Every structure is written in C-alpha cells, then in structure tokens.
Amino acid sequence: MQDRATLVSNARKSILKGSKSFAIASHLFDNVTRERVWLLYAWCRRCDDIIDAQDHGGALGDQAGAADRLALVREKTALAFADKPTDDPAFDALGLVARETGLTLDMARAVIDGFALDAAEWQPHSEADLMRYCWHVAGAVGVMMAVVMGVSPDDEDTLDRACDLGLAFQLANIARDIEEDDAADRSYIPLDWLAEEDIPPGEQMKPHYRPALTRIVARMCKTAEIHECSARIGASRLKPRQRWAILSAAGIYGEIAREVARRGDHAWDHRTVVSNARKLGFVGKAAWAALRPVRRSCIALASTRKYSRMELVALSDKNGVPKYT
C-alpha cells in the first residue's frame, strides 16, 4: 500500500484530469480538507471509469462484462474499508480517508448502487426514478463529502442539503449530456416525461422533437436550481473556507444548468462549458455570498423541493438495484 503523500499526489492528478471545475473549487478548502476531498474524489472517479470502461470520463468503452466490473468495485471497496491492500491507489485512497473521517461502508455502497444502475443500462420511468438515480450517483457522494468536511453523521438536515448539492450537479450533467448519452444508447430522461411530450423513447434527439425536448430539459434545470438553493442553506453552516468552496462549486455547476436552459433548442449544438474566466468569476461571487445570509428567494425556492434524501433512500430500499447472474 502506498504512503499517504503518494496517495494524495495520485488523487490530485485524478481530479485535475477528471473535473477541472471541482479541482478549482477544492483549492479553496484548508489543506487537510482539500487533500481528503481529493482522496474521496479519486475513488469516485475510478469506480465510474471501471464501470464504464473509460479513462476519466470521455467515450464509453466496451460495455461487455459490466457485471464483473461491478463486482470488482464492490470487492475492492470492501477491502479498502477493511484496511487491506487493494492493489489500486484510488481504492487505497478511500480506505485512508475513511479511517481519517469516519466514512462508512454503507455510505460507499449507496454510491456503488448507482453504478449498478448504469451497468444494467437502466432508464428511469418516472421523476421519482430519476431522482433516485441522482441520489445514488451524486447525492450519496455529497453526503460522503460533507462527512469529509467535518459534518457530523448525525446532522441529518445538513447531510440532506449536501445530498441536494449532488442532486443539482447530476441534473445539470444529465441536461448537458443528453446528446452524448443518446450516442451511447443511454437516456436518463424519465419515460413518463417523454410520453407527456409525445416523444417516442429513443427518438428524443430527432430534430422535430427539439422543442419538446427543450421543455423537458427546462423542467430538469429548474429542479436542479431548487436543489442548488437547498444546498446553499446547508453551506451556510460550514466553516468559512468550506462554505466558500461549496458555494463556488454550486455556482459553477449551476451555471451549466442555467446555460443549457438559456440556449434552448440549441443547447446541444456544442457541449456546454463554463470557461476558466467565468469559473474564477463564480469563485469571486462565492466569496461575497459566503459573507451574507442566504437570499430569501433562494430559501423560498428550496422549500418547493419535492423529494428529501430520506424519501429517496426509502424508494431505493423499496425498489432495490439490478441483480446479476
């Protein structure tokens, strides 16, 4: 097993390659928190890459053997929590940050269940299904990140807000990546939403359905905004530098959803990105926002949140995740 300095160095390289937006925000944390965030990110990124047979995102690889890859992720994650060598620095990084912060195997399993949904080529049938998926692949990560930042595992409301930030991030990513997902024969648009707009499943990218797709995505982006506002309430309870970092990330990822919504029918003419200059602008805005109370309009919007973390957990417990033979 590699020493801590090497694991941190590897994790830093991973976040710089895999998420430039989050990498920028992470530099606002104090040194200890920043390194722990990197360590957790490295595990999340590695799991995603193993499941999708890719390297730090990008084009999907050969999807054959997904069940075996999922089993490998589960096995190595269990080894990490048992403080045993995993022969993979990203999983060793998880074991290290878990020992330092109190992350639990159950928290990690909630994230892995999201990878199981992807491995099964699962598509949501309803809005509840969509939010349950977002809970696993991003909301559960938000909970783990909050614990890494020192939030007590017993502080349920703040963990709810951390989950909401993950939900907002994932909804923004889904809205941005609809065309890329379609090219990979994936869709995270609820079948109910497609039916409401008279779009046959799998045909959402056809030009004559573009206005209807734009309405669906506007709905998705609005939901992201609601959860972003909820997350801002939780961020107000963090230490100053942590609050600054989280508000910066919220602003940057929130801008992805806002830009997709603004571009309307042209949202997928080219990939929506936030330039480095604009990212720095959001870092500056976050510094000011971190010194002020959460806006009343944001609090009001957050109160319209439809699904709480506990409701999404209950949905997952009821429906389970795909099983493999």
Foldseek 3Di string as FASTA:
>chain_A
DDDLVVLLVVLLVLCVLQPVLLNVLLVLDPPQLSSLLSLQVLLLQVLLCLLQVHRSDDDGDDLPPNVVSLVLNLVLLVCLCVVHDSVDSSSVSVSVLCVVQVDDPVLVVLQSLLSLCVSVLHEAQDPLSLLLSLLRNFLSSLLVSVSSLPDDPPPQLLSQLSSLLSSLLVLLVLLQCQVVQLVVVHHHQHNVLCVVQVHPPSRCPPLVNLQSVLVSLLVSLLLSLLSLLSNLQSLLPGDLSSSLSSQLSSVQSNVSSVVLNVCRSCSVVDGDHQDPVVSVVSSVVSNVVNVDDRDPVSVVSNVPNDDTSVNSVVVCVVPPGDDDD
